[in-house]
Amino acid sequence: MEDRILRKLFLGFIQIHILHHALEHPIYGVWMLDELKEHGYDISAGTLYPILHNMEADGLLLKEDRNVDGKIRKYYTATEKGEVILDQARDKAYELFKEIKD
């Protein structure tokens, strides 16, 4: 049960993390999985790809198919809406951090 609760809580953090990197440069799934693992998030591709698709459907990410070594790789960049949402999330996260840091 605790894993389920933490998973739901961390989902928002993961989405903020995705937006942050997608604003810096185009990202793709495997790269994002590795990046998230560096920060302690152990999620599978079966969890990440639906998150990316939902964020695209919500207008936060824009997908571009690129041919890489003969295979199609999906790259995601943050949209203007994604940037606005990320700015708001940063503000809220900072306020929360100040409140709970001690």
N, C-alpha and C. Protein backbone atom coordinates (compact mmCIF):
# COMPACT_ATOMS: atom_id res chain seq x y z
N MET A 1 0.81 -1.19 0.00
CA MET A 1 0.00 0.00 0.00
C MET A 1 0.86 1.26 0.00
N GLU A 2 1.92 1.30 0.80
CA GLU A 2 2.77 2.48 0.85
C GLU A 2 3.42 2.74 -0.50
N ASP A 3 3.81 1.68 -1.22
CA ASP A 3 4.39 1.86 -2.54
C ASP A 3 3.40 2.53 -3.48
N ARG A 4 2.14 2.15 -3.40
CA ARG A 4 1.10 2.73 -4.25
C ARG A 4 0.91 4.21 -3.94
N ILE A 5 0.93 4.54 -2.66
CA ILE A 5 0.76 5.93 -2.24
C ILE A 5 1.95 6.77 -2.71
N LEU A 6 3.16 6.26 -2.48
CA LEU A 6 4.34 6.99 -2.93
C LEU A 6 4.36 7.14 -4.44
N ARG A 7 3.96 6.12 -5.14
CA ARG A 7 3.93 6.15 -6.61
C ARG A 7 3.03 7.27 -7.11
N LYS A 8 1.85 7.39 -6.49
CA LYS A 8 0.91 8.45 -6.88
C LYS A 8 1.51 9.83 -6.57
N LEU A 9 2.16 9.95 -5.43
CA LEU A 9 2.78 11.21 -5.05
C LEU A 9 3.91 11.58 -6.00
N PHE A 10 4.75 10.62 -6.32
CA PHE A 10 5.91 10.89 -7.16
C PHE A 10 5.54 11.14 -8.62
N LEU A 11 4.36 10.74 -9.05
CA LEU A 11 3.94 10.96 -10.43
C LEU A 11 4.01 12.45 -10.79
N GLY A 12 3.58 13.31 -9.89
CA GLY A 12 3.67 14.74 -10.14
C GLY A 12 5.11 15.21 -10.26
N PHE A 13 5.98 14.68 -9.39
CA PHE A 13 7.40 15.04 -9.45
C PHE A 13 8.00 14.61 -10.79
N ILE A 14 7.63 13.42 -11.23
CA ILE A 14 8.14 12.90 -12.50
C ILE A 14 7.70 13.80 -13.66
N GLN A 15 6.46 14.22 -13.65
CA GLN A 15 5.98 15.09 -14.72
C GLN A 15 6.70 16.44 -14.71
N ILE A 16 6.96 16.98 -13.55
CA ILE A 16 7.72 18.22 -13.46
C ILE A 16 9.13 18.01 -14.01
N HIS A 17 9.72 16.89 -13.66
CA HIS A 17 11.06 16.56 -14.14
C HIS A 17 11.07 16.46 -15.67
N ILE A 18 10.08 15.79 -16.23
CA ILE A 18 9.97 15.65 -17.68
C ILE A 18 9.86 17.03 -18.33
N LEU A 19 8.98 17.87 -17.82
CA LEU A 19 8.82 19.22 -18.39
C LEU A 19 10.12 20.01 -18.32
N HIS A 20 10.81 19.91 -17.21
CA HIS A 20 12.07 20.63 -17.05
C HIS A 20 13.05 20.26 -18.16
N HIS A 21 13.24 18.98 -18.38
CA HIS A 21 14.21 18.55 -19.39
C HIS A 21 13.69 18.79 -20.81
N ALA A 22 12.40 18.62 -21.03
CA ALA A 22 11.84 18.85 -22.36
C ALA A 22 11.87 20.32 -22.74
N LEU A 23 12.00 21.18 -21.76
CA LEU A 23 12.15 22.61 -22.04
C LEU A 23 13.61 22.93 -22.39
N GLU A 24 14.55 22.20 -21.79
CA GLU A 24 15.97 22.42 -22.06
C GLU A 24 16.38 21.92 -23.44
N HIS A 25 15.86 20.75 -23.83
CA HIS A 25 16.22 20.12 -25.11
C HIS A 25 15.23 18.99 -25.39
N PRO A 26 15.12 18.56 -26.65
CA PRO A 26 14.24 17.43 -26.94
C PRO A 26 14.69 16.18 -26.18
N ILE A 27 13.73 15.46 -25.65
CA ILE A 27 14.01 14.23 -24.89
C ILE A 27 13.34 13.05 -25.57
N TYR A 28 13.81 11.86 -25.28
CA TYR A 28 13.14 10.63 -25.74
C TYR A 28 13.09 9.66 -24.57
N GLY A 29 12.24 8.66 -24.70
CA GLY A 29 11.91 7.80 -23.59
C GLY A 29 13.07 7.16 -22.86
N VAL A 30 13.96 6.49 -23.57
CA VAL A 30 15.05 5.78 -22.91
C VAL A 30 15.96 6.76 -22.17
N TRP A 31 16.22 7.91 -22.80
CA TRP A 31 17.04 8.94 -22.13
C TRP A 31 16.36 9.39 -20.84
N MET A 32 15.05 9.61 -20.92
CA MET A 32 14.32 10.08 -19.74
C MET A 32 14.30 9.02 -18.65
N LEU A 33 14.15 7.76 -19.02
CA LEU A 33 14.21 6.68 -18.02
C LEU A 33 15.55 6.70 -17.29
N ASP A 34 16.64 6.85 -18.04
CA ASP A 34 17.97 6.90 -17.41
C ASP A 34 18.11 8.12 -16.51
N GLU A 35 17.61 9.26 -16.97
CA GLU A 35 17.68 10.49 -16.18
C GLU A 35 16.90 10.34 -14.88
N LEU A 36 15.71 9.79 -14.97
CA LEU A 36 14.89 9.61 -13.77
C LEU A 36 15.56 8.63 -12.80
N LYS A 37 16.19 7.59 -13.32
CA LYS A 37 16.88 6.62 -12.46
C LYS A 37 18.02 7.29 -11.70
N GLU A 38 18.71 8.24 -12.35
CA GLU A 38 19.78 8.97 -11.67
C GLU A 38 19.25 9.74 -10.46
N HIS A 39 17.97 10.05 -10.47
CA HIS A 39 17.36 10.81 -9.37
C HIS A 39 16.52 9.93 -8.44
N GLY A 40 16.68 8.61 -8.58
CA GLY A 40 16.04 7.69 -7.64
C GLY A 40 14.65 7.22 -8.03
N TYR A 41 14.19 7.56 -9.22
CA TYR A 41 12.88 7.09 -9.68
C TYR A 41 13.08 5.82 -10.49
N ASP A 42 12.57 4.72 -9.99
CA ASP A 42 12.72 3.44 -10.68
C ASP A 42 11.40 3.09 -11.34
N ILE A 43 11.20 3.63 -12.54
CA ILE A 43 9.96 3.35 -13.27
C ILE A 43 10.29 2.61 -14.56
N SER A 44 9.32 1.92 -15.07
CA SER A 44 9.52 1.14 -16.29
C SER A 44 9.06 1.95 -17.50
N ALA A 45 9.44 1.46 -18.67
CA ALA A 45 8.97 2.08 -19.92
C ALA A 45 7.44 2.01 -19.99
N GLY A 46 6.87 0.94 -19.46
CA GLY A 46 5.42 0.78 -19.45
C GLY A 46 4.71 1.80 -18.58
N THR A 47 5.44 2.45 -17.69
CA THR A 47 4.89 3.54 -16.89
C THR A 47 5.20 4.89 -17.54
N LEU A 48 6.42 5.05 -18.05
CA LEU A 48 6.84 6.34 -18.60
C LEU A 48 6.08 6.70 -19.87
N TYR A 49 5.95 5.76 -20.81
CA TYR A 49 5.36 6.13 -22.10
C TYR A 49 3.91 6.59 -22.00
N PRO A 50 3.08 5.99 -21.17
CA PRO A 50 1.73 6.56 -20.99
C PRO A 50 1.77 7.97 -20.38
N ILE A 51 2.73 8.23 -19.50
CA ILE A 51 2.87 9.58 -18.94
C ILE A 51 3.19 10.56 -20.07
N LEU A 52 4.16 10.22 -20.91
CA LEU A 52 4.52 11.09 -22.03
C LEU A 52 3.33 11.31 -22.96
N HIS A 53 2.59 10.24 -23.27
CA HIS A 53 1.43 10.35 -24.16
C HIS A 53 0.35 11.24 -23.54
N ASN A 54 0.11 11.08 -22.25
CA ASN A 54 -0.89 11.92 -21.58
C ASN A 54 -0.46 13.37 -21.54
N MET A 55 0.81 13.62 -21.31
CA MET A 55 1.31 14.99 -21.30
C MET A 55 1.20 15.62 -22.69
N GLU A 56 1.41 14.80 -23.71
CA GLU A 56 1.23 15.29 -25.09
C GLU A 56 -0.25 15.60 -25.33
N ALA A 57 -1.13 14.70 -24.92
CA ALA A 57 -2.57 14.91 -25.10
C ALA A 57 -3.06 16.14 -24.35
N ASP A 58 -2.42 16.46 -23.23
CA ASP A 58 -2.78 17.64 -22.44
C ASP A 58 -2.17 18.93 -22.99
N GLY A 59 -1.39 18.80 -24.05
CA GLY A 59 -0.80 19.99 -24.67
C GLY A 59 0.45 20.49 -23.99
N LEU A 60 1.07 19.66 -23.14
CA LEU A 60 2.29 20.07 -22.44
C LEU A 60 3.55 19.73 -23.22
N LEU A 61 3.48 18.70 -24.04
CA LEU A 61 4.61 18.24 -24.84
C LEU A 61 4.21 18.16 -26.31
N LEU A 62 5.19 18.38 -27.16
CA LEU A 62 5.02 18.21 -28.60
C LEU A 62 5.92 17.07 -29.04
N LYS A 63 5.37 16.12 -29.79
CA LYS A 63 6.13 14.94 -30.22
C LYS A 63 6.60 15.12 -31.65
N GLU A 64 7.84 14.71 -31.89
CA GLU A 64 8.40 14.73 -33.24
C GLU A 64 9.07 13.38 -33.49
N ASP A 65 8.71 12.71 -34.58
CA ASP A 65 9.34 11.45 -34.95
C ASP A 65 10.62 11.76 -35.74
N ARG A 66 11.72 11.11 -35.34
CA ARG A 66 12.99 11.26 -36.04
C ARG A 66 13.55 9.89 -36.37
N ASN A 67 14.18 9.79 -37.52
CA ASN A 67 14.83 8.56 -37.92
C ASN A 67 16.24 8.54 -37.33
N VAL A 68 16.49 7.59 -36.45
CA VAL A 68 17.81 7.44 -35.82
C VAL A 68 18.30 6.04 -36.11
N ASP A 69 19.33 5.94 -36.93
CA ASP A 69 19.91 4.65 -37.31
C ASP A 69 18.85 3.70 -37.88
N GLY A 70 17.97 4.24 -38.70
CA GLY A 70 16.95 3.43 -39.36
C GLY A 70 15.73 3.12 -38.52
N LYS A 71 15.68 3.63 -37.31
CA LYS A 71 14.53 3.41 -36.44
C LYS A 71 13.88 4.76 -36.11
N ILE A 72 12.58 4.74 -35.94
CA ILE A 72 11.87 5.96 -35.58
C ILE A 72 11.93 6.14 -34.06
N ARG A 73 12.45 7.29 -33.65
CA ARG A 73 12.51 7.63 -32.24
C ARG A 73 11.61 8.85 -32.03
N LYS A 74 10.82 8.81 -30.97
CA LYS A 74 9.91 9.91 -30.65
C LYS A 74 10.60 10.87 -29.69
N TYR A 75 10.75 12.11 -30.13
CA TYR A 75 11.33 13.16 -29.30
C TYR A 75 10.23 14.08 -28.81
N TYR A 76 10.36 14.52 -27.58
CA TYR A 76 9.36 15.40 -26.97
C TYR A 76 10.02 16.70 -26.54
N THR A 77 9.34 17.82 -26.83
CA THR A 77 9.75 19.12 -26.35
C THR A 77 8.57 19.76 -25.64
N ALA A 78 8.87 20.63 -24.70
CA ALA A 78 7.81 21.31 -23.97
C ALA A 78 7.17 22.37 -24.86
N THR A 79 5.87 22.48 -24.77
CA THR A 79 5.13 23.52 -25.47
C THR A 79 5.11 24.79 -24.62
N GLU A 80 4.55 25.86 -25.18
CA GLU A 80 4.39 27.09 -24.38
C GLU A 80 3.53 26.82 -23.15
N LYS A 81 2.47 26.04 -23.33
CA LYS A 81 1.61 25.67 -22.20
C LYS A 81 2.42 24.88 -21.17
N GLY A 82 3.27 23.98 -21.63
CA GLY A 82 4.12 23.20 -20.73
C GLY A 82 5.07 24.09 -19.94
N GLU A 83 5.59 25.13 -20.60
CA GLU A 83 6.49 26.06 -19.92
C GLU A 83 5.75 26.84 -18.83
N VAL A 84 4.53 27.28 -19.14
CA VAL A 84 3.73 28.01 -18.15
C VAL A 84 3.42 27.11 -16.95
N ILE A 85 3.02 25.87 -17.24
CA ILE A 85 2.71 24.92 -16.16
C ILE A 85 3.96 24.64 -15.33
N LEU A 86 5.11 24.49 -15.98
CA LEU A 86 6.35 24.23 -15.25
C LEU A 86 6.69 25.41 -14.34
N ASP A 87 6.53 26.63 -14.83
CA ASP A 87 6.79 27.80 -13.98
C ASP A 87 5.89 27.79 -12.75
N GLN A 88 4.62 27.47 -12.94
CA GLN A 88 3.69 27.42 -11.81
C GLN A 88 4.07 26.30 -10.85
N ALA A 89 4.45 25.15 -11.40
CA ALA A 89 4.84 24.01 -10.55
C ALA A 89 6.10 24.33 -9.76
N ARG A 90 7.05 25.03 -10.38
CA ARG A 90 8.27 25.42 -9.66
C ARG A 90 7.94 26.31 -8.47
N ASP A 91 7.06 27.28 -8.71
CA ASP A 91 6.66 28.18 -7.62
C ASP A 91 6.04 27.40 -6.46
N LYS A 92 5.13 26.49 -6.80
CA LYS A 92 4.46 25.69 -5.76
C LYS A 92 5.45 24.77 -5.05
N ALA A 93 6.35 24.16 -5.82
CA ALA A 93 7.33 23.26 -5.23
C ALA A 93 8.27 24.02 -4.30
N TYR A 94 8.65 25.22 -4.69
CA TYR A 94 9.53 26.03 -3.84
C TYR A 94 8.83 26.41 -2.54
N GLU A 95 7.58 26.81 -2.63
CA GLU A 95 6.80 27.14 -1.42
C GLU A 95 6.69 25.92 -0.50
N LEU A 96 6.40 24.77 -1.09
CA LEU A 96 6.30 23.54 -0.31
C LEU A 96 7.64 23.20 0.34
N PHE A 97 8.71 23.30 -0.41
CA PHE A 97 10.03 23.01 0.12
C PHE A 97 10.34 23.89 1.32
N LYS A 98 10.06 25.19 1.22
CA LYS A 98 10.33 26.11 2.32
C LYS A 98 9.53 25.69 3.57
N GLU A 99 8.32 25.21 3.36
CA GLU A 99 7.48 24.84 4.48
C GLU A 99 7.91 23.54 5.16
N ILE A 100 8.36 22.56 4.39
CA ILE A 100 8.62 21.24 4.96
C ILE A 100 10.10 20.95 5.19
N LYS A 101 11.00 21.85 4.84
CA LYS A 101 12.44 21.54 4.89
C LYS A 101 12.98 21.24 6.28
N ASP A 102 12.32 21.71 7.31
CA ASP A 102 12.86 21.49 8.66
C ASP A 102 12.28 20.30 9.34
